[in-house]
Amino acid sequence: MHDRKLKVFTAGLGVETNTFSPMQVEMRDFAATCLFRHGNHPDELTEVSAPLAVLRARSRDLGWSIVEGPYAFALPAGRVAQDVYEALRDEIIEEACRHAPYDFIVLSLHGAMSAQGYDDCEGDLLVRLRNAIGDDTPIGAELDAHAHLSDAMFESTDILVAFKEYPHTDFLPRAEELINALERSARRSSRPKKAIVDCRTIGRFHTTREPMRSFVDAMRKAEGRDGVWSISLIHGFPWGDVYDMGVKVIAYADKADVATEMATRFAEELIRIRDNAFTKPLPMVEAIDQAISAPGQYVIADVGDNPGGGAPGNSTLMLRHLLMTGVAACTGPLWDPRVVARAFEIGVGAQTTLSLGGPPLEHSALVKALARQHGQSWVATRMPLGDCCVLSLGGVDVVVSSVRDQAYSPDLFTGLGLVLEDYKLVTVKSAQHFMDGFSTVTPRILLASGGGVLETDFRCIDYRNVRRPMWPLDL
């Protein structure tokens, strides 16, 4: 029976929606990031296409028949335009129906995508897909850990697997886990029992350090024992003001009572450790002063203006503070396509006065370096930054990008000729994904808040739609 070649449909759709962001997502934003139809999906692995990569390997090695539907992802921002979401949703469902039936369907979704008129895009898509395909076909999805897990998503799928790591370095093994489970369902004609527990929590959970390191290790250790298929912690996305936002635990097992036991056990543990699971950022000026007064080099993350959470990535507040310190510093990526275009016009070595970022900073700048289609490393992938320039502003070197994204890796700077050892301070626009790469530069890393839309004291956010009570809003 295991020699039977399977037929599988795959597609992907996602945006991490910051409902407080004014930047509406249009079709051009998908096209600039990831928008591929049948027959033109690239060979390169990306964080959002891990299910496709795994299925292609199964096709090569095992002869599976893979129907590659649309994959559409945009960088984190505000809500997606209604007509754009509906067009992409309908295209996925129509493509799935056109080539049915399948042994199973696997999707790559973010889980925190909202559009105008739709707070729960993934739930809407999955319910419609289930109604169109029927109940006989197993359906599963890989989710970003920062998802909003709705009842619609949970009930319309057979298995959901979320990234366990934050930063999200495990997207490929999680896709393997998901597809193995769906294959098991298809070949045995049986579905796992499932359970979900709501932790009634808003939080941030960095898995590279304790107590979350042990939490993730315990989840992985529990899987494969006593009939447990999979356990996922859904972190939630704190800047998505929707009803389903918040932390949840989901578990899948052969038996319903085991699934419930696992979901309950890990939910209770998360509640126990939640107050110590996130390193709270320092106020920006305090972080800079602490780094300057201490020996050695420091990396400071500007978490408030992190494009990875939907912020514009063009705040100049960190840069203004750095200019006042008088110490050698570099910072980036700061998003300003207009300034990049101007730097290419005048060329390396030219000096001019520029209006940079927002609020605009007027300053004399030397064009120190230029690069077409610059990028940075992320796990086994390459994250594009588009055309980039390095501007030298009175002792502070700034990497300015034409593509909005967060910092992932030191080659953001070194790929443009900067030598990081030359700087007392290296500052990046990111919250956690930079951590692995930049910890190789120095172990002295600080998180700084201020100057962006990502408020990290959740009690200060004007939530209107989240369910209450919710920790830490209601102590």
Protein backbone atom coordinates (compact mmCIF):
# COMPACT_ATOMS: atom_id res chain seq x y z
CA MET A 1 0.00 0.00 0.00
CA HIS A 2 2.86 2.38 0.77
CA ASP A 3 4.04 2.01 -2.80
CA ARG A 4 0.93 3.77 -4.07
CA LYS A 5 1.89 7.12 -5.55
CA LEU A 6 -0.06 9.96 -4.00
CA LYS A 7 -1.65 12.96 -5.66
CA VAL A 8 -1.43 16.18 -3.64
CA PHE A 9 -2.54 19.79 -4.06
CA THR A 10 -0.55 22.62 -2.48
CA ALA A 11 -0.98 26.38 -2.36
CA GLY A 12 -0.03 29.25 -0.08
CA LEU A 13 -1.40 32.60 1.06
CA GLY A 14 -0.31 34.92 3.81
CA VAL A 15 0.36 38.31 5.29
CA GLU A 16 1.09 39.07 8.93
CA THR A 17 -1.46 41.84 9.37
CA ASN A 18 -0.79 44.65 11.81
CA THR A 19 -4.28 46.11 12.14
CA PHE A 20 -2.78 49.32 13.54
CA SER A 21 -0.66 49.88 10.44
CA PRO A 22 -1.90 52.37 7.81
CA MET A 23 -0.18 50.48 4.96
CA GLN A 24 -2.87 48.61 2.99
CA VAL A 25 -1.62 45.57 1.08
CA GLU A 26 -2.31 45.56 -2.66
CA MET A 27 -1.65 43.00 -5.36
CA ARG A 28 1.61 44.75 -6.23
CA ASP A 29 2.87 43.99 -2.71
CA PHE A 30 2.33 40.28 -3.29
CA ALA A 31 3.98 40.55 -6.70
CA ALA A 32 7.02 42.23 -5.14
CA THR A 33 7.45 39.48 -2.54
CA CYS A 34 5.92 36.14 -3.59
CA LEU A 35 3.24 35.67 -6.23
CA PHE A 36 3.59 32.49 -8.27
CA ARG A 37 1.09 30.50 -10.29
CA HIS A 38 1.19 26.95 -11.60
CA GLY A 39 4.35 26.30 -13.57
CA ASN A 40 6.38 29.32 -12.47
CA HIS A 41 7.22 28.56 -8.84
CA PRO A 42 10.96 29.10 -8.28
CA ASP A 43 13.31 26.32 -7.24
CA GLU A 44 14.70 28.24 -4.26
CA LEU A 45 13.43 27.42 -0.78
CA THR A 46 11.75 30.23 1.12
CA GLU A 47 10.20 30.43 4.59
CA VAL A 48 6.73 30.47 3.04
CA SER A 49 7.21 27.68 0.48
CA ALA A 50 8.51 24.85 2.65
CA PRO A 51 5.51 22.54 1.93
CA LEU A 52 6.13 22.98 -1.79
CA ALA A 53 9.83 22.13 -1.36
CA VAL A 54 9.02 18.96 0.59
CA LEU A 55 6.41 17.85 -1.94
CA ARG A 56 8.77 18.41 -4.85
CA ALA A 57 11.30 16.17 -3.14
CA ARG A 58 8.60 13.49 -2.68
CA SER A 59 7.72 13.83 -6.36
CA ARG A 60 11.34 13.29 -7.39
CA ASP A 61 12.02 10.46 -4.94
CA LEU A 62 8.67 8.68 -4.76
CA GLY A 63 6.85 9.64 -7.94
CA TRP A 64 4.08 11.60 -6.25
CA SER A 65 1.90 13.79 -8.47
CA ILE A 66 1.96 17.38 -7.20
CA VAL A 67 -0.50 20.04 -8.34
CA GLU A 68 1.18 23.36 -7.58
CA GLY A 69 -1.46 25.99 -6.95
CA PRO A 70 -0.86 29.70 -6.34
CA TYR A 71 1.60 30.83 -3.67
CA ALA A 72 1.01 34.45 -2.64
CA PHE A 73 2.70 36.18 0.31
CA ALA A 74 3.40 39.83 1.09
CA LEU A 75 5.58 41.42 3.75
CA PRO A 76 3.91 42.30 7.06
CA ALA A 77 1.82 45.46 6.83
CA GLY A 78 -1.79 46.55 7.35
CA ARG A 79 -4.98 44.94 6.09
CA VAL A 80 -5.15 43.46 2.60
CA ALA A 81 -7.47 45.18 0.13
CA GLN A 82 -10.74 43.23 0.01
CA ASP A 83 -10.75 42.64 -3.74
CA VAL A 84 -7.13 41.45 -3.64
CA TYR A 85 -7.81 38.89 -0.91
CA GLU A 86 -10.97 37.62 -2.58
CA ALA A 87 -9.21 37.25 -5.93
CA LEU A 88 -6.34 35.23 -4.44
CA ARG A 89 -8.67 33.12 -2.29
CA ASP A 90 -10.93 32.28 -5.22
CA GLU A 91 -7.96 31.46 -7.44
CA ILE A 92 -6.68 28.90 -4.91
CA ILE A 93 -10.08 27.24 -4.54
CA GLU A 94 -10.76 27.18 -8.27
CA GLU A 95 -7.34 25.68 -8.98
CA ALA A 96 -7.87 23.04 -6.29
CA CYS A 97 -11.27 22.06 -7.68
CA ARG A 98 -10.02 21.97 -11.27
CA HIS A 99 -7.60 19.09 -10.61
CA ALA A 100 -9.46 17.20 -7.84
CA PRO A 101 -9.60 14.59 -6.37
CA TYR A 102 -6.46 14.34 -4.22
CA ASP A 103 -5.07 12.08 -1.55
CA PHE A 104 -4.58 15.20 0.58
CA ILE A 105 -4.21 18.98 0.41
CA VAL A 106 -1.44 20.93 2.15
CA LEU A 107 -1.36 24.71 2.42
CA SER A 108 1.23 27.22 3.55
CA LEU A 109 -0.56 29.97 5.48
CA HIS A 110 0.53 32.67 7.85
CA GLY A 111 -2.46 32.52 10.17
CA ALA A 112 -2.72 36.22 11.04
CA MET A 113 -3.94 37.62 7.74
CA SER A 114 -6.79 40.14 7.79
CA ALA A 115 -8.36 42.01 4.91
CA GLN A 116 -10.89 44.78 4.60
CA GLY A 117 -14.12 43.02 5.56
CA TYR A 118 -12.35 39.87 6.80
CA ASP A 119 -10.70 39.58 10.21
CA ASP A 120 -9.99 35.87 9.67
CA CYS A 121 -8.81 35.34 6.10
CA GLU A 122 -7.39 31.87 6.78
CA GLY A 123 -10.61 30.68 8.41
CA ASP A 124 -12.64 32.01 5.51
CA LEU A 125 -10.36 30.34 2.95
CA LEU A 126 -10.26 26.99 4.75
CA VAL A 127 -14.03 26.78 5.28
CA ARG A 128 -14.65 27.55 1.61
CA LEU A 129 -12.00 25.06 0.52
CA ARG A 130 -13.45 22.34 2.75
CA ASN A 131 -16.95 22.97 1.40
CA ALA A 132 -15.66 22.83 -2.17
CA ILE A 133 -13.50 19.70 -1.76
CA GLY A 134 -15.64 17.75 0.69
CA ASP A 135 -14.90 15.87 3.89
CA ASP A 136 -13.14 12.85 2.40
CA THR A 137 -9.86 14.64 1.60
CA PRO A 138 -7.45 15.38 4.47
CA ILE A 139 -6.53 19.07 4.61
CA GLY A 140 -3.61 20.49 6.58
CA ALA A 141 -1.68 23.73 6.80
CA GLU A 142 1.67 24.98 8.04
CA LEU A 143 1.29 28.14 10.11
CA ASP A 144 3.56 30.86 11.37
CA ALA A 145 3.68 30.70 15.15
CA HIS A 146 2.29 34.24 15.26
CA ALA A 147 -1.10 33.15 14.00
CA HIS A 148 -4.64 33.80 15.22
CA LEU A 149 -6.11 30.32 15.56
CA SER A 150 -9.86 30.59 14.95
CA ASP A 151 -12.51 27.92 15.36
CA ALA A 152 -13.03 28.07 11.59
CA MET A 153 -9.37 27.20 10.96
CA PHE A 154 -9.31 24.46 13.57
CA GLU A 155 -12.57 22.75 12.60
CA SER A 156 -12.11 22.85 8.81
CA THR A 157 -8.68 21.16 8.84
CA ASP A 158 -7.40 17.76 9.90
CA ILE A 159 -4.03 18.96 11.14
CA LEU A 160 -2.31 22.31 11.65
CA VAL A 161 1.41 22.53 12.37
CA ALA A 162 3.00 25.80 13.49
CA PHE A 163 6.65 26.79 13.57
CA LYS A 164 8.03 25.85 16.97
CA GLU A 165 10.98 28.22 16.91
CA TYR A 166 11.07 31.99 17.26
CA PRO A 167 13.06 33.11 15.31
CA HIS A 168 11.39 30.86 12.72
CA THR A 169 14.32 28.71 11.71
CA ASP A 170 12.36 25.43 11.55
CA PHE A 171 9.93 26.00 8.68
CA LEU A 172 11.35 23.09 6.68
CA PRO A 173 11.16 20.40 9.41
CA ARG A 174 7.66 21.59 10.33
CA ALA A 175 6.59 21.13 6.71
CA GLU A 176 8.04 17.63 6.81
CA GLU A 177 6.11 16.94 10.02
CA LEU A 178 2.86 18.19 8.48
CA ILE A 179 3.19 16.25 5.24
CA ASN A 180 4.14 13.06 7.08
CA ALA A 181 0.97 13.38 9.14
CA LEU A 182 -1.19 14.01 6.09
CA GLU A 183 0.36 11.05 4.28
CA ARG A 184 -0.35 8.91 7.31
CA SER A 185 -3.98 10.05 7.24
CA ALA A 186 -4.30 9.39 3.52
CA ARG A 187 -2.75 5.92 3.55
CA ARG A 188 -4.56 4.71 6.68
CA SER A 189 -7.86 6.48 5.92
CA SER A 190 -7.83 7.76 9.50
CA ARG A 191 -7.58 11.24 10.97
CA PRO A 192 -5.97 12.24 14.26
CA LYS A 193 -8.08 13.35 17.19
CA LYS A 194 -7.51 16.99 18.07
CA ALA A 195 -7.73 19.34 21.01
CA ILE A 196 -7.26 23.06 21.56
CA VAL A 197 -6.77 25.07 24.75
CA ASP A 198 -6.99 28.86 24.90
CA CYS A 199 -4.40 30.37 27.28
CA ARG A 200 -6.15 33.76 27.35
CA THR A 201 -2.75 35.38 26.99
CA ILE A 202 -1.06 38.04 24.89
CA GLY A 203 2.70 37.61 24.91
CA ARG A 204 6.04 37.27 23.17
CA PHE A 205 7.96 34.01 23.44
CA HIS A 206 11.62 33.91 22.42
CA THR A 207 12.58 30.26 22.06
CA THR A 208 16.35 30.73 21.93
CA ARG A 209 16.53 31.14 25.71
CA GLU A 210 14.89 29.88 28.87
CA PRO A 211 12.19 29.23 29.86
CA MET A 212 10.96 28.81 26.27
CA ARG A 213 13.90 26.68 25.16
CA SER A 214 12.88 23.93 27.54
CA PHE A 215 9.19 24.39 26.64
CA VAL A 216 9.87 23.75 22.95
CA ASP A 217 12.17 20.84 23.71
CA ALA A 218 9.44 19.27 25.84
CA MET A 219 6.88 19.59 23.04
CA ARG A 220 9.20 17.86 20.61
CA LYS A 221 9.99 15.12 23.14
CA ALA A 222 6.28 14.43 23.66
CA GLU A 223 5.60 14.00 19.96
CA GLY A 224 5.74 10.41 18.74
CA ARG A 225 5.03 9.00 22.19
CA ASP A 226 1.72 7.57 23.42
CA GLY A 227 0.13 8.12 20.03
CA VAL A 228 0.87 11.87 19.95
CA TRP A 229 1.15 13.15 16.38
CA SER A 230 1.90 16.82 16.81
CA ILE A 231 1.82 19.67 19.36
CA SER A 232 1.97 23.35 18.45
CA LEU A 233 2.09 26.52 20.50
CA ILE A 234 0.27 29.31 18.69
CA HIS A 235 1.94 32.49 19.96
CA GLY A 236 -0.62 34.86 18.49
CA PHE A 237 0.26 38.19 16.86
CA PRO A 238 -0.18 40.96 19.45
CA TRP A 239 -0.63 43.74 16.87
CA GLY A 240 -3.62 42.11 15.22
CA ASP A 241 -6.68 43.48 17.00
CA VAL A 242 -9.08 40.67 16.09
CA TYR A 243 -11.35 38.41 18.12
CA ASP A 244 -9.19 35.28 17.81
CA MET A 245 -5.89 36.91 18.77
CA GLY A 246 -4.06 35.25 21.63
CA VAL A 247 -2.03 32.24 22.71
CA LYS A 248 -3.40 28.74 22.16
CA VAL A 249 -2.07 25.19 22.25
CA ILE A 250 -3.20 22.54 19.77
CA ALA A 251 -2.48 18.82 19.96
CA TYR A 252 -3.18 15.85 17.69
CA ALA A 253 -3.10 12.21 18.78
CA ASP A 254 -4.57 8.79 18.10
CA LYS A 255 -6.91 9.18 21.07
CA ALA A 256 -9.02 12.20 22.02
CA ASP A 257 -8.12 12.04 25.71
CA VAL A 258 -4.40 12.05 24.90
CA ALA A 259 -4.79 15.07 22.63
CA THR A 260 -6.70 16.90 25.37
CA GLU A 261 -4.13 15.93 28.00
CA MET A 262 -1.24 17.25 25.87
CA ALA A 263 -2.96 20.52 24.95
CA THR A 264 -3.91 21.13 28.59
CA ARG A 265 -0.47 20.24 29.93
CA PHE A 266 1.39 22.64 27.68
CA ALA A 267 -1.20 25.42 28.04
CA GLU A 268 -0.86 25.27 31.82
CA GLU A 269 2.93 25.33 31.55
CA LEU A 270 2.83 28.32 29.21
CA ILE A 271 0.63 30.23 31.65
CA ARG A 272 3.06 29.39 34.45
CA ILE A 273 6.13 30.78 32.62
CA ARG A 274 4.58 33.51 30.48
CA ASP A 275 5.79 36.45 32.54
CA ASN A 276 9.44 35.40 32.09
CA ALA A 277 9.26 34.32 28.44
CA PHE A 278 10.07 37.67 26.85
CA THR A 279 12.99 40.04 27.38
CA LYS A 280 11.33 43.41 27.77
CA PRO A 281 12.93 46.15 25.65
CA LEU A 282 14.64 49.12 27.23
CA PRO A 283 13.64 52.67 26.30
CA MET A 284 15.74 53.59 23.27
CA VAL A 285 17.87 56.28 24.94
CA GLU A 286 18.51 54.03 27.95
CA ALA A 287 19.64 51.16 25.69
CA ILE A 288 22.04 53.42 23.79
CA ASP A 289 23.46 54.95 26.97
CA GLN A 290 23.95 51.50 28.51
CA ALA A 291 25.81 50.26 25.44
CA ILE A 292 28.03 53.31 25.19
CA SER A 293 28.99 53.28 28.86
CA ALA A 294 29.95 49.60 28.83
CA PRO A 295 33.09 48.09 27.29
CA GLY A 296 32.90 46.21 24.02
CA GLN A 297 30.68 46.27 20.97
CA TYR A 298 26.87 46.16 21.21
CA VAL A 299 24.03 45.26 18.88
CA ILE A 300 20.76 47.11 19.55
CA ALA A 301 17.48 46.09 17.95
CA ASP A 302 14.92 48.80 17.20
CA VAL A 303 11.90 46.60 17.87
CA GLY A 304 9.35 49.41 17.61
CA ASP A 305 10.06 49.95 13.92
CA ASN A 306 10.44 46.30 12.94
CA PRO A 307 9.13 45.69 9.40
CA GLY A 308 8.73 42.04 10.40
CA GLY A 309 5.81 43.15 12.56
CA GLY A 310 4.23 45.45 10.01
CA ALA A 311 6.06 48.68 10.86
CA PRO A 312 7.21 50.92 8.00
CA GLY A 313 10.89 50.46 8.79
CA ASN A 314 11.67 54.09 8.00
CA SER A 315 11.76 55.68 11.46
CA THR A 316 14.74 57.97 11.96
CA LEU A 317 14.51 58.15 15.75
CA MET A 318 17.29 55.63 16.38
CA LEU A 319 19.47 57.37 13.79
CA ARG A 320 18.92 60.76 15.43
CA HIS A 321 20.01 59.39 18.80
CA LEU A 322 23.07 57.74 17.27
CA LEU A 323 24.14 61.00 15.64
CA MET A 324 24.08 62.72 19.02
CA THR A 325 26.37 60.14 20.65
CA GLY A 326 29.46 60.82 18.58
CA VAL A 327 30.42 57.12 18.56
CA ALA A 328 31.05 55.03 15.48
CA ALA A 329 27.81 53.26 14.57
CA CYS A 330 26.01 51.59 11.70
CA THR A 331 22.28 51.03 11.35
CA GLY A 332 19.83 49.45 8.95
CA PRO A 333 17.94 48.57 6.97
CA LEU A 334 16.13 51.90 6.75
CA TRP A 335 13.48 51.83 4.02
CA ASP A 336 13.52 54.81 1.65
CA PRO A 337 13.41 53.95 -2.09
CA ARG A 338 13.51 57.62 -3.07
CA VAL A 339 16.81 58.19 -1.26
CA VAL A 340 18.29 55.01 -2.76
CA ALA A 341 17.38 56.23 -6.25
CA ARG A 342 19.01 59.59 -5.53
CA ALA A 343 22.19 57.89 -4.28
CA PHE A 344 22.46 55.93 -7.53
CA GLU A 345 22.01 59.14 -9.49
CA ILE A 346 24.91 60.94 -7.81
CA GLY A 347 27.19 57.91 -7.34
CA VAL A 348 29.71 56.65 -4.81
CA GLY A 349 31.83 59.42 -3.29
CA ALA A 350 29.28 62.15 -3.88
CA GLN A 351 28.10 64.26 -0.99
CA THR A 352 24.73 65.95 -0.77
CA THR A 353 21.99 66.94 1.64
CA LEU A 354 19.17 64.40 1.82
CA SER A 355 15.81 64.14 3.50
CA LEU A 356 15.83 60.62 4.90
CA GLY A 357 13.04 58.45 6.30
CA GLY A 358 10.22 59.58 8.53
CA PRO A 359 9.89 61.86 10.29
CA PRO A 360 12.26 63.27 7.63
CA LEU A 361 15.83 63.81 8.75
CA GLU A 362 17.63 66.53 6.77
CA HIS A 363 21.34 65.80 6.86
CA SER A 364 24.49 65.99 4.79
CA ALA A 365 25.39 62.51 3.55
CA LEU A 366 28.28 60.86 1.73
CA VAL A 367 27.39 57.98 -0.58
CA LYS A 368 29.75 55.27 0.64
CA ALA A 369 28.51 52.22 -1.32
CA LEU A 370 25.88 51.11 -3.82
CA ALA A 371 24.52 47.68 -4.69
CA ARG A 372 21.89 46.47 -7.12
CA GLN A 373 19.58 43.75 -5.78
CA HIS A 374 21.28 43.42 -2.42
CA GLY A 375 20.05 40.78 0.01
CA GLN A 376 20.77 39.00 3.27
CA SER A 377 20.95 35.40 4.43
CA TRP A 378 18.15 33.70 6.38
CA VAL A 379 18.45 29.99 7.24
CA ALA A 380 18.83 28.34 3.78
CA THR A 381 17.23 31.25 1.94
CA ARG A 382 18.06 34.72 0.64
CA MET A 383 15.94 37.71 1.64
CA PRO A 384 15.93 40.52 -0.96
CA LEU A 385 16.43 44.16 -0.05
CA GLY A 386 16.42 45.49 -3.60
CA ASP A 387 18.75 48.30 -4.61
CA CYS A 388 20.61 49.57 -1.56
CA CYS A 389 23.05 52.29 -0.61
CA VAL A 390 25.28 53.08 2.35
CA LEU A 391 25.15 56.69 3.49
CA SER A 392 27.72 58.10 5.88
CA LEU A 393 26.18 60.74 8.15
CA GLY A 394 28.66 62.24 10.57
CA GLY A 395 30.15 58.99 11.87
CA VAL A 396 27.01 56.88 11.46
CA ASP A 397 26.75 54.62 8.42
CA VAL A 398 23.20 53.86 7.30
CA VAL A 399 22.11 51.01 5.02
CA VAL A 400 19.10 52.32 3.08
CA SER A 401 16.99 49.80 1.15
CA SER A 402 14.42 50.01 -1.63
CA VAL A 403 12.62 46.87 -0.39
CA ARG A 404 11.09 47.03 3.08
CA ASP A 405 12.21 44.20 5.36
CA GLN A 406 13.75 43.54 8.75
CA ALA A 407 17.36 42.68 9.55
CA TYR A 408 18.25 38.99 9.49
CA SER A 409 21.99 38.59 9.07
CA PRO A 410 25.27 40.53 9.31
CA ASP A 411 25.68 40.32 5.53
CA LEU A 412 23.07 43.05 5.45
CA PHE A 413 26.10 45.23 6.27
CA THR A 414 29.15 43.19 5.26
CA GLY A 415 27.73 42.53 1.80
CA LEU A 416 27.99 46.27 1.21
CA GLY A 417 31.62 46.44 2.32
CA LEU A 418 31.14 47.53 5.92
CA VAL A 419 33.43 45.99 8.53
CA LEU A 420 31.35 45.48 11.67
CA GLU A 421 34.37 45.42 13.95
CA ASP A 422 34.84 49.12 13.15
CA TYR A 423 31.68 50.13 15.01
CA LYS A 424 30.94 50.49 18.69
CA LEU A 425 27.20 50.17 18.00
CA VAL A 426 25.40 48.11 15.38
CA THR A 427 21.67 48.80 15.34
CA VAL A 428 19.08 46.85 13.39
CA LYS A 429 15.38 47.10 12.66
CA SER A 430 14.15 43.75 13.92
CA ALA A 431 12.74 42.07 17.01
CA GLN A 432 14.04 38.49 17.11
CA HIS A 433 14.92 37.14 13.66
CA PHE A 434 18.26 38.98 13.77
CA MET A 435 19.33 37.20 16.96
CA ASP A 436 21.05 34.09 15.59
CA GLY A 437 23.03 35.94 12.94
CA PHE A 438 24.12 38.91 15.01
CA SER A 439 25.00 36.90 18.10
CA THR A 440 28.06 35.83 16.10
CA VAL A 441 29.11 39.50 15.96
CA THR A 442 28.84 40.06 19.72
CA PRO A 443 27.01 38.43 22.61
CA ARG A 444 26.11 41.90 23.91
CA ILE A 445 22.63 42.44 22.46
CA LEU A 446 19.93 44.84 23.68
CA LEU A 447 16.31 45.34 22.64
CA ALA A 448 15.13 48.95 22.43
CA SER A 449 11.62 50.34 22.15
CA GLY A 450 10.29 53.66 20.89
CA GLY A 451 9.87 55.41 17.57
CA GLY A 452 7.61 52.86 15.87
CA VAL A 453 4.14 51.35 15.74
CA LEU A 454 4.99 48.15 17.63
CA GLU A 455 4.21 48.99 21.23
CA THR A 456 5.58 46.19 23.43
CA ASP A 457 3.64 47.08 26.58
CA PHE A 458 0.38 45.48 25.53
CA ARG A 459 -1.52 47.28 28.29
CA CYS A 460 -0.89 50.51 26.37
CA ILE A 461 -2.48 49.24 23.13
CA ASP A 462 -6.03 50.32 22.39
CA TYR A 463 -7.50 46.89 21.73
CA ARG A 464 -11.16 46.96 20.68
CA ASN A 465 -11.86 43.43 19.43
CA VAL A 466 -9.85 40.88 21.45
CA ARG A 467 -11.73 38.61 23.83
CA ARG A 468 -11.64 39.54 27.48
CA PRO A 469 -10.44 38.72 30.05
CA MET A 470 -6.93 38.50 28.62
CA TRP A 471 -3.57 38.54 30.38
CA PRO A 472 -1.85 41.00 30.92
CA LEU A 473 -4.69 43.39 30.04
CA ASP A 474 -6.84 42.08 32.87
CA LEU A 475 -4.65 41.19 35.83
